[in-house]
Amino acid sequence: MSGFFVNAEGGLTTAGYALTIIAGIVLFLAAAYFAGKHSAKKKLSTKQLVFCAAAMALAFITSYIKPVGEMPWGGSVTLCSMLFIVLVANWYGVGTGIFVGLAYGILQFIQEPYVLSFFQVCCDYILAFAALGVAGFFARKKHGLLKGYIAAVLARGVFHTLGGYLYWMDYMPDNFPQSLKSIYPIAYNYSYLLAEAVLTIVVISIPAVAKGLNRVKQTALE
């Protein structure tokens, strides 16, 4: 059955794409219902949904901009793409941040699918990007956006690293040094995540950018 949805190279077949899109719609609606049901206002307003959709679209667009190219086993430094999901969590809280991150993870899977197993897909796409929503825990703290962004990057890395230990290490060459197996998934995944984090922190620390983000936040919360 897996051959019907996944080709020999680990990509999706036409049926696989169809199933992913259907599953994505179902999960998106379920997440939106959950986030709305448990939010302080009981539901997401139209304005909030528009801002969430715009943030997700910007994240998706900037994920194509990769200043240093692709890593050999997946992953890349993008032009601040994680920031836009973190902004949603900073504006609207953890629940909404998780739901937007989950939807974004599905988009990433459709964009660049690679399947080793169902749980690998969950680690690398669903859980990793949903984890960006933890930024919402820091929204009301001093320098909340910065602290939340750092926490989100670290949280995303946990799931990519877990997928590395459980699945990707089995695909390493036979001559791969045994002494590196215990640290390689951590070093590999956090190398590009932290590089992008440094780039993003520099950008949002620019006074004009910080001022602009504050204005956008005020508009999003009006």
Protein backbone atom coordinates (compact mmCIF):
# COMPACT_ATOMS: atom_id res chain seq x y z
CA MET A 1 0.00 0.00 0.00
CA SER A 2 2.85 2.42 0.77
CA GLY A 3 4.06 2.08 -2.82
CA PHE A 4 0.71 3.47 -3.95
CA PHE A 5 1.30 6.71 -2.04
CA VAL A 6 5.12 6.91 -1.93
CA ASN A 7 7.49 6.35 -4.83
CA ALA A 8 10.84 4.58 -4.71
CA GLU A 9 12.72 7.84 -4.07
CA GLY A 10 10.68 8.63 -0.97
CA GLY A 11 8.53 11.26 -2.68
CA LEU A 12 4.78 11.32 -3.10
CA THR A 13 2.82 9.86 -5.98
CA THR A 14 -0.28 11.60 -7.33
CA ALA A 15 -2.38 9.58 -4.92
CA GLY A 16 0.00 10.53 -2.11
CA TYR A 17 -0.39 14.23 -2.86
CA ALA A 18 -4.17 13.85 -2.97
CA LEU A 19 -4.22 12.06 0.37
CA THR A 20 -1.90 14.66 1.91
CA ILE A 21 -4.06 17.55 0.76
CA ILE A 22 -7.21 15.91 2.07
CA ALA A 23 -5.53 15.10 5.38
CA GLY A 24 -4.18 18.65 5.53
CA ILE A 25 -7.64 20.14 5.10
CA VAL A 26 -9.07 17.87 7.78
CA LEU A 27 -6.25 18.61 10.22
CA PHE A 28 -6.43 22.35 9.49
CA LEU A 29 -10.16 22.45 10.20
CA ALA A 30 -9.76 20.35 13.34
CA ALA A 31 -6.92 22.56 14.58
CA ALA A 32 -8.88 25.73 13.82
CA TYR A 33 -11.87 24.37 15.72
CA PHE A 34 -9.70 23.40 18.69
CA ALA A 35 -7.88 26.73 18.77
CA GLY A 36 -11.13 28.65 18.54
CA LYS A 37 -12.92 26.58 21.15
CA HIS A 38 -10.17 27.05 23.71
CA SER A 39 -9.23 30.66 23.01
CA ALA A 40 -10.22 33.48 25.34
CA LYS A 41 -12.73 34.80 22.79
CA LYS A 42 -14.01 31.29 22.02
CA LYS A 43 -13.36 31.75 18.31
CA LEU A 44 -10.85 33.26 15.93
CA SER A 45 -12.11 36.48 14.37
CA THR A 46 -12.07 37.03 10.64
CA LYS A 47 -9.27 39.55 11.12
CA GLN A 48 -7.18 37.06 13.08
CA LEU A 49 -7.69 34.40 10.43
CA VAL A 50 -6.55 36.88 7.75
CA PHE A 51 -3.40 37.73 9.71
CA CYS A 52 -2.71 34.03 10.32
CA ALA A 53 -3.15 33.22 6.63
CA ALA A 54 -0.90 36.14 5.62
CA ALA A 55 1.81 35.07 8.08
CA MET A 56 1.66 31.49 6.82
CA ALA A 57 1.87 32.67 3.21
CA LEU A 58 4.91 34.83 3.99
CA ALA A 59 6.55 31.92 5.81
CA PHE A 60 5.94 29.69 2.81
CA ILE A 61 7.33 32.24 0.33
CA THR A 62 10.45 33.00 2.37
CA SER A 63 11.09 29.28 2.86
CA TYR A 64 12.05 29.21 -0.83
CA ILE A 65 14.75 31.86 -0.25
CA LYS A 66 17.81 29.90 0.90
CA PRO A 67 20.97 32.03 1.07
CA VAL A 68 23.33 29.08 1.59
CA GLY A 69 21.48 26.32 -0.24
CA GLU A 70 20.23 22.94 0.99
CA MET A 71 21.75 20.64 3.59
CA PRO A 72 22.62 17.18 2.21
CA TRP A 73 19.99 15.33 4.29
CA GLY A 74 17.32 18.02 4.22
CA GLY A 75 16.93 21.30 6.04
CA SER A 76 18.21 24.73 5.10
CA VAL A 77 18.79 28.27 6.28
CA THR A 78 15.88 30.32 4.95
CA LEU A 79 15.13 34.03 4.96
CA CYS A 80 13.50 34.24 8.41
CA SER A 81 10.62 31.91 7.46
CA MET A 82 10.10 30.64 11.03
CA LEU A 83 9.64 34.18 12.28
CA PHE A 84 6.22 34.55 10.68
CA ILE A 85 4.79 31.54 12.52
CA VAL A 86 6.37 32.80 15.75
CA LEU A 87 4.70 36.18 15.21
CA VAL A 88 1.28 34.51 15.14
CA ALA A 89 2.01 32.79 18.45
CA ASN A 90 3.24 36.08 19.88
CA TRP A 91 0.06 37.86 18.79
CA TYR A 92 -2.64 35.27 19.47
CA GLY A 93 -1.19 32.75 21.90
CA VAL A 94 0.12 29.21 22.02
CA GLY A 95 -2.97 27.43 20.69
CA THR A 96 -3.24 29.56 17.58
CA GLY A 97 0.51 29.40 17.05
CA ILE A 98 0.45 25.62 17.17
CA PHE A 99 -2.46 25.37 14.76
CA VAL A 100 -0.82 27.73 12.24
CA GLY A 101 2.49 25.90 12.64
CA LEU A 102 0.74 22.60 12.03
CA ALA A 103 -0.88 23.90 8.86
CA TYR A 104 2.45 25.32 7.73
CA GLY A 105 4.12 21.95 8.36
CA ILE A 106 1.62 20.33 6.02
CA LEU A 107 2.45 22.94 3.36
CA GLN A 108 6.14 22.16 3.83
CA PHE A 109 5.42 18.48 3.34
CA ILE A 110 3.53 19.20 0.13
CA GLN A 111 6.36 21.49 -1.01
CA GLU A 112 9.25 19.07 -0.36
CA PRO A 113 7.92 15.67 0.71
CA TYR A 114 10.22 12.93 1.86
CA VAL A 115 8.82 9.80 3.46
CA LEU A 116 10.68 7.18 5.44
CA SER A 117 7.76 6.33 7.72
CA PHE A 118 4.60 7.86 9.11
CA PHE A 119 6.32 8.80 12.37
CA GLN A 120 9.26 10.35 10.52
CA VAL A 121 6.80 12.57 8.65
CA CYS A 122 5.22 13.54 11.97
CA CYS A 123 8.61 14.41 13.48
CA ASP A 124 9.98 16.36 10.51
CA TYR A 125 6.85 18.17 9.41
CA ILE A 126 3.81 18.05 11.70
CA LEU A 127 5.33 18.19 15.18
CA ALA A 128 8.45 20.20 14.29
CA PHE A 129 6.54 23.14 12.83
CA ALA A 130 3.66 22.94 15.31
CA ALA A 131 6.32 23.31 18.02
CA LEU A 132 6.95 26.88 16.83
CA GLY A 133 3.76 27.76 18.66
CA VAL A 134 5.53 27.55 22.02
CA ALA A 135 6.67 31.11 21.33
CA GLY A 136 3.27 32.16 22.64
CA PHE A 137 4.31 31.29 26.20
CA PHE A 138 6.63 34.30 26.19
CA ALA A 139 4.29 36.83 24.55
CA ARG A 140 3.72 38.91 27.69
CA LYS A 141 7.28 38.80 28.96
CA LYS A 142 9.90 41.47 28.44
CA HIS A 143 11.55 40.91 25.04
CA GLY A 144 8.84 38.29 24.52
CA LEU A 145 9.27 38.02 20.76
CA LEU A 146 12.99 37.38 21.05
CA LYS A 147 12.64 34.87 23.89
CA GLY A 148 9.72 33.17 22.19
CA TYR A 149 11.59 32.91 18.91
CA ILE A 150 14.61 31.28 20.56
CA ALA A 151 12.36 28.83 22.43
CA ALA A 152 10.50 28.00 19.22
CA VAL A 153 13.69 27.27 17.30
CA LEU A 154 14.95 25.00 20.08
CA ALA A 155 11.59 23.21 20.26
CA ARG A 156 11.49 22.62 16.51
CA GLY A 157 15.00 21.20 16.66
CA VAL A 158 13.97 18.64 19.27
CA PHE A 159 11.58 16.93 16.85
CA HIS A 160 13.97 17.03 13.89
CA THR A 161 16.64 15.54 16.15
CA LEU A 162 14.25 12.84 17.35
CA GLY A 163 13.54 11.93 13.73
CA GLY A 164 17.27 11.82 13.12
CA TYR A 165 17.87 9.34 15.91
CA LEU A 166 14.87 7.16 15.09
CA TYR A 167 15.12 7.07 11.30
CA TRP A 168 17.77 9.08 9.47
CA MET A 169 20.81 7.54 11.16
CA ASP A 170 19.90 4.21 9.54
CA TYR A 171 20.72 5.79 6.18
CA MET A 172 24.24 6.89 7.07
CA PRO A 173 27.10 5.27 5.07
CA ASP A 174 28.72 2.14 6.51
CA ASN A 175 31.94 4.04 7.11
CA PHE A 176 30.20 6.73 9.19
CA PRO A 177 32.18 7.13 12.48
CA GLN A 178 30.41 5.34 15.31
CA SER A 179 31.67 7.92 17.78
CA LEU A 180 29.63 10.63 16.04
CA LYS A 181 26.30 8.84 15.95
CA SER A 182 25.27 10.06 19.39
CA ILE A 183 25.73 13.75 18.57
CA TYR A 184 25.31 13.94 14.80
CA PRO A 185 21.50 14.44 14.70
CA ILE A 186 21.79 17.25 17.24
CA ALA A 187 24.72 18.94 15.48
CA TYR A 188 23.19 18.50 12.03
CA ASN A 189 19.73 19.87 12.78
CA TYR A 190 20.73 22.70 15.05
CA SER A 191 23.47 23.83 12.64
CA TYR A 192 21.01 25.24 10.13
CA LEU A 193 18.31 26.14 12.66
CA LEU A 194 20.65 28.20 14.81
CA ALA A 195 22.24 29.80 11.74
CA GLU A 196 18.81 30.99 10.64
CA ALA A 197 18.06 32.05 14.21
CA VAL A 198 21.14 34.28 14.29
CA LEU A 199 20.16 35.82 10.96
CA THR A 200 16.61 36.46 12.15
CA ILE A 201 17.67 37.89 15.51
CA VAL A 202 19.97 40.33 13.73
CA VAL A 203 17.12 41.39 11.43
CA ILE A 204 14.52 41.90 14.18
CA SER A 205 17.05 43.77 16.30
CA ILE A 206 17.33 46.51 13.68
CA PRO A 207 15.43 49.46 15.22
CA ALA A 208 13.35 50.14 12.13
CA VAL A 209 12.33 46.47 11.84
CA ALA A 210 11.51 46.22 15.56
CA LYS A 211 9.38 49.35 15.31
CA GLY A 212 7.59 48.00 12.25
CA LEU A 213 6.86 44.67 13.95
CA ASN A 214 5.41 46.50 16.95
CA ARG A 215 3.08 48.45 14.68
CA VAL A 216 1.97 45.26 12.93
CA LYS A 217 1.31 43.66 16.31
CA GLN A 218 -0.82 46.61 17.40
CA THR A 219 -2.82 46.34 14.20
CA ALA A 220 -3.21 42.59 14.60
CA LEU A 221 -4.53 43.00 18.14
CA GLU A 222 -6.90 45.91 17.52
